């Protein structure tokens, strides 16, 4: 399905070191430590995505995402239906 943008707005950059997929959104980690998101935003999957650098790992749930900074801190964004973001360390 590409009606929610999962395929038709994918970045064309070539410097990704990791990719993670949610239900209808995707997150990419670039080699400079920045995060790129694409896909659906109906359930806030891409809202509040970090714009800074310094990330070393990424992961996605159905409608939320998590990124690990190089200092060990965790950043979350997206939907919070069941507290996925509220209790992040």
N, C-alpha and C. Protein backbone atom coordinates (compact mmCIF):
# COMPACT_ATOMS: atom_id res chain seq x y z
N UNK A 1 0.83 -1.18 0.00
CA UNK A 1 0.00 0.00 0.00
C UNK A 1 0.86 1.24 0.00
N UNK A 2 0.62 2.13 -0.88
CA UNK A 2 1.36 3.39 -0.86
C UNK A 2 0.44 4.57 -0.63
N UNK A 3 -0.84 4.35 -0.40
CA UNK A 3 -1.78 5.45 -0.21
C UNK A 3 -1.47 6.27 1.04
N UNK A 4 -0.79 5.68 2.02
CA UNK A 4 -0.44 6.40 3.23
C UNK A 4 0.97 6.98 3.17
N UNK A 5 1.62 6.88 2.04
CA UNK A 5 2.94 7.47 1.86
C UNK A 5 4.11 6.59 2.25
N UNK A 6 3.86 5.32 2.57
CA UNK A 6 4.98 4.47 2.99
C UNK A 6 6.04 4.32 1.91
N UNK A 7 5.63 4.34 0.67
CA UNK A 7 6.60 4.15 -0.41
C UNK A 7 6.84 5.40 -1.22
N UNK A 8 5.81 6.22 -1.44
CA UNK A 8 5.98 7.31 -2.39
C UNK A 8 6.67 8.55 -1.84
N UNK A 9 6.96 8.62 -0.55
CA UNK A 9 7.74 9.75 -0.07
C UNK A 9 9.02 9.30 0.63
N UNK A 10 9.50 8.12 0.28
CA UNK A 10 10.75 7.61 0.85
C UNK A 10 11.92 8.48 0.41
N UNK A 11 12.86 8.73 1.31
CA UNK A 11 14.01 9.55 0.95
C UNK A 11 14.88 8.89 -0.11
N UNK A 12 15.57 9.69 -0.86
CA UNK A 12 16.45 9.17 -1.92
C UNK A 12 17.92 9.28 -1.52
N UNK A 13 18.18 9.55 -0.28
CA UNK A 13 19.55 9.64 0.22
C UNK A 13 20.18 8.26 0.25
N UNK A 14 21.50 8.20 0.27
CA UNK A 14 22.19 6.91 0.22
C UNK A 14 23.08 6.67 1.43
N UNK A 15 22.87 7.42 2.51
CA UNK A 15 23.79 7.31 3.64
C UNK A 15 23.12 6.77 4.91
N UNK A 16 22.20 5.82 4.74
CA UNK A 16 21.51 5.25 5.89
C UNK A 16 22.32 4.10 6.48
N UNK A 17 22.27 3.99 7.81
CA UNK A 17 22.94 2.88 8.49
C UNK A 17 21.93 1.95 9.17
N UNK A 18 20.66 2.40 9.29
CA UNK A 18 19.61 1.57 9.87
C UNK A 18 18.25 2.06 9.39
N UNK A 19 17.31 1.12 9.31
CA UNK A 19 15.93 1.40 8.93
C UNK A 19 15.03 0.67 9.92
N UNK A 20 13.94 1.30 10.33
CA UNK A 20 12.94 0.65 11.19
C UNK A 20 11.56 0.96 10.62
N UNK A 21 10.64 0.00 10.76
CA UNK A 21 9.31 0.15 10.19
C UNK A 21 8.24 0.00 11.26
N UNK A 22 7.28 0.92 11.25
CA UNK A 22 6.09 0.80 12.08
C UNK A 22 4.95 0.26 11.24
N UNK A 23 3.73 0.42 11.71
CA UNK A 23 2.58 -0.08 10.96
C UNK A 23 2.43 0.65 9.64
N UNK A 24 2.55 1.96 9.64
CA UNK A 24 2.37 2.75 8.41
C UNK A 24 3.40 3.86 8.29
N UNK A 25 4.49 3.77 9.03
CA UNK A 25 5.54 4.78 8.93
C UNK A 25 6.89 4.10 9.02
N UNK A 26 7.92 4.85 8.65
CA UNK A 26 9.28 4.33 8.63
C UNK A 26 10.23 5.36 9.22
N UNK A 27 11.32 4.88 9.76
CA UNK A 27 12.36 5.75 10.32
C UNK A 27 13.70 5.27 9.80
N UNK A 28 14.53 6.21 9.40
CA UNK A 28 15.88 5.89 8.96
C UNK A 28 16.90 6.62 9.80
N UNK A 29 18.00 5.95 10.10
CA UNK A 29 19.11 6.56 10.81
C UNK A 29 20.23 6.78 9.81
N UNK A 30 20.64 8.02 9.68
CA UNK A 30 21.71 8.36 8.73
C UNK A 30 23.07 8.25 9.41
N UNK A 31 24.11 8.13 8.61
CA UNK A 31 25.45 7.93 9.18
C UNK A 31 25.96 9.14 9.94
N UNK A 32 25.30 10.29 9.81
CA UNK A 32 25.68 11.47 10.60
C UNK A 32 24.93 11.55 11.93
N UNK A 33 24.12 10.51 12.24
CA UNK A 33 23.40 10.46 13.50
C UNK A 33 22.06 11.17 13.50
N UNK A 34 21.59 11.61 12.34
CA UNK A 34 20.28 12.23 12.25
C UNK A 34 19.23 11.18 11.90
N UNK A 35 17.97 11.53 12.20
CA UNK A 35 16.84 10.63 11.97
C UNK A 35 15.95 11.22 10.88
N UNK A 36 15.49 10.37 9.97
CA UNK A 36 14.58 10.77 8.89
C UNK A 36 13.33 9.91 9.02
N UNK A 37 12.15 10.52 8.88
CA UNK A 37 10.89 9.75 8.94
C UNK A 37 10.12 9.94 7.64
N UNK A 38 9.33 8.92 7.28
CA UNK A 38 8.43 9.03 6.14
C UNK A 38 7.28 8.07 6.32
N UNK A 39 6.23 8.29 5.55
CA UNK A 39 5.04 7.46 5.64
C UNK A 39 3.87 8.21 6.22
N UNK A 40 2.92 7.49 6.76
CA UNK A 40 1.67 8.04 7.26
C UNK A 40 1.89 8.86 8.53
N UNK A 41 1.06 9.87 8.71
CA UNK A 41 1.11 10.69 9.91
C UNK A 41 -0.27 10.80 10.56
N UNK A 42 -1.22 9.97 10.10
CA UNK A 42 -2.59 10.02 10.60
C UNK A 42 -2.67 9.88 12.11
N UNK A 43 -1.86 9.02 12.69
CA UNK A 43 -1.87 8.79 14.14
C UNK A 43 -0.63 9.39 14.81
N UNK A 44 -0.15 10.49 14.27
CA UNK A 44 0.99 11.23 14.84
C UNK A 44 2.32 10.49 14.79
N UNK A 45 2.44 9.47 13.93
CA UNK A 45 3.67 8.66 13.89
C UNK A 45 4.92 9.49 13.66
N UNK A 46 4.80 10.57 12.92
CA UNK A 46 5.99 11.35 12.56
C UNK A 46 6.08 12.66 13.33
N UNK A 47 5.05 13.01 14.06
CA UNK A 47 5.06 14.27 14.82
C UNK A 47 6.11 14.23 15.91
N UNK A 48 6.79 15.32 16.10
CA UNK A 48 7.81 15.47 17.14
C UNK A 48 9.06 14.63 16.92
N UNK A 49 9.28 14.15 15.71
CA UNK A 49 10.52 13.41 15.44
C UNK A 49 11.71 14.33 15.68
N UNK A 50 12.79 13.81 16.23
CA UNK A 50 13.94 14.65 16.53
C UNK A 50 14.59 15.22 15.27
N UNK A 51 15.09 16.42 15.40
CA UNK A 51 15.75 17.07 14.26
C UNK A 51 17.25 17.26 14.49
N UNK A 52 17.72 16.86 15.66
CA UNK A 52 19.14 17.00 15.97
C UNK A 52 19.90 15.73 15.58
N UNK A 53 21.21 15.77 15.72
CA UNK A 53 22.06 14.62 15.43
C UNK A 53 22.44 13.92 16.75
N UNK A 54 23.26 12.90 16.66
CA UNK A 54 23.76 12.22 17.84
C UNK A 54 23.04 10.92 18.17
N UNK A 55 22.27 10.38 17.23
CA UNK A 55 21.55 9.14 17.48
C UNK A 55 22.37 7.95 16.97
N UNK A 56 22.23 6.82 17.67
CA UNK A 56 22.99 5.62 17.31
C UNK A 56 22.10 4.42 17.03
N UNK A 57 20.82 4.48 17.40
CA UNK A 57 19.90 3.36 17.16
C UNK A 57 18.47 3.87 17.08
N UNK A 58 17.62 3.13 16.34
CA UNK A 58 16.22 3.48 16.18
C UNK A 58 15.36 2.22 16.26
N UNK A 59 14.09 2.42 16.62
CA UNK A 59 13.12 1.33 16.62
C UNK A 59 11.73 1.94 16.46
N UNK A 60 10.80 1.13 15.94
CA UNK A 60 9.43 1.60 15.75
C UNK A 60 8.44 0.62 16.35
N UNK A 61 7.37 1.16 16.91
CA UNK A 61 6.19 0.38 17.25
C UNK A 61 5.17 0.65 16.16
N UNK A 62 3.94 0.28 16.38
CA UNK A 62 2.92 0.51 15.36
C UNK A 62 2.80 1.99 15.00
N UNK A 63 2.65 2.86 16.01
CA UNK A 63 2.42 4.28 15.74
C UNK A 63 3.36 5.18 16.54
N UNK A 64 4.45 4.64 17.04
CA UNK A 64 5.42 5.45 17.76
C UNK A 64 6.83 4.97 17.41
N UNK A 65 7.80 5.80 17.72
CA UNK A 65 9.20 5.46 17.44
C UNK A 65 10.07 5.84 18.63
N UNK A 66 11.23 5.21 18.67
CA UNK A 66 12.19 5.41 19.75
C UNK A 66 13.57 5.53 19.14
N UNK A 67 14.37 6.43 19.66
CA UNK A 67 15.75 6.58 19.21
C UNK A 67 16.67 6.68 20.42
N UNK A 68 17.83 6.09 20.29
CA UNK A 68 18.84 6.11 21.34
C UNK A 68 19.95 7.08 20.95
N UNK A 69 20.23 8.01 21.84
CA UNK A 69 21.31 8.98 21.60
C UNK A 69 22.66 8.37 22.00
N UNK A 70 23.72 8.96 21.48
CA UNK A 70 25.07 8.46 21.79
C UNK A 70 25.45 8.64 23.25
N UNK A 71 24.68 9.43 24.02
CA UNK A 71 24.95 9.58 25.45
C UNK A 71 24.11 8.62 26.30
N UNK A 72 23.34 7.74 25.65
CA UNK A 72 22.54 6.75 26.35
C UNK A 72 21.12 7.18 26.67
N UNK A 73 20.74 8.42 26.34
CA UNK A 73 19.38 8.85 26.60
C UNK A 73 18.45 8.38 25.49
N UNK A 74 17.17 8.28 25.82
CA UNK A 74 16.15 7.78 24.91
C UNK A 74 15.21 8.92 24.53
N UNK A 75 14.86 8.99 23.25
CA UNK A 75 13.91 9.98 22.75
C UNK A 75 12.76 9.22 22.10
N UNK A 76 11.52 9.61 22.41
CA UNK A 76 10.35 8.96 21.82
C UNK A 76 9.49 9.99 21.12
N UNK A 77 8.75 9.55 20.11
CA UNK A 77 7.79 10.41 19.43
C UNK A 77 6.70 9.56 18.80
N UNK A 78 5.63 10.22 18.41
CA UNK A 78 4.50 9.52 17.81
C UNK A 78 3.33 9.40 18.76
N UNK A 79 2.45 8.47 18.52
CA UNK A 79 1.23 8.30 19.30
C UNK A 79 1.54 7.70 20.67
N UNK A 80 0.67 7.98 21.62
CA UNK A 80 0.85 7.53 22.99
C UNK A 80 -0.44 6.91 23.52
N UNK A 81 -1.08 6.07 22.71
CA UNK A 81 -2.36 5.45 23.07
C UNK A 81 -2.31 4.74 24.42
N UNK A 82 -1.24 4.02 24.70
CA UNK A 82 -1.16 3.19 25.90
C UNK A 82 0.09 3.47 26.72
N UNK A 83 0.54 4.71 26.71
CA UNK A 83 1.70 5.09 27.51
C UNK A 83 3.03 4.70 26.92
N UNK A 84 3.09 4.43 25.62
CA UNK A 84 4.34 4.02 24.99
C UNK A 84 5.43 5.06 25.19
N UNK A 85 5.05 6.33 25.31
CA UNK A 85 6.03 7.39 25.42
C UNK A 85 6.17 7.92 26.84
N UNK A 86 5.16 7.81 27.66
CA UNK A 86 5.16 8.45 28.98
C UNK A 86 6.22 7.94 29.93
N UNK A 87 6.54 6.68 29.86
CA UNK A 87 7.45 6.09 30.84
C UNK A 87 8.85 5.83 30.29
N UNK A 88 9.22 6.52 29.24
CA UNK A 88 10.56 6.32 28.68
C UNK A 88 11.61 6.73 29.71
N UNK A 89 12.69 5.97 29.82
CA UNK A 89 13.72 6.30 30.82
C UNK A 89 14.44 7.60 30.49
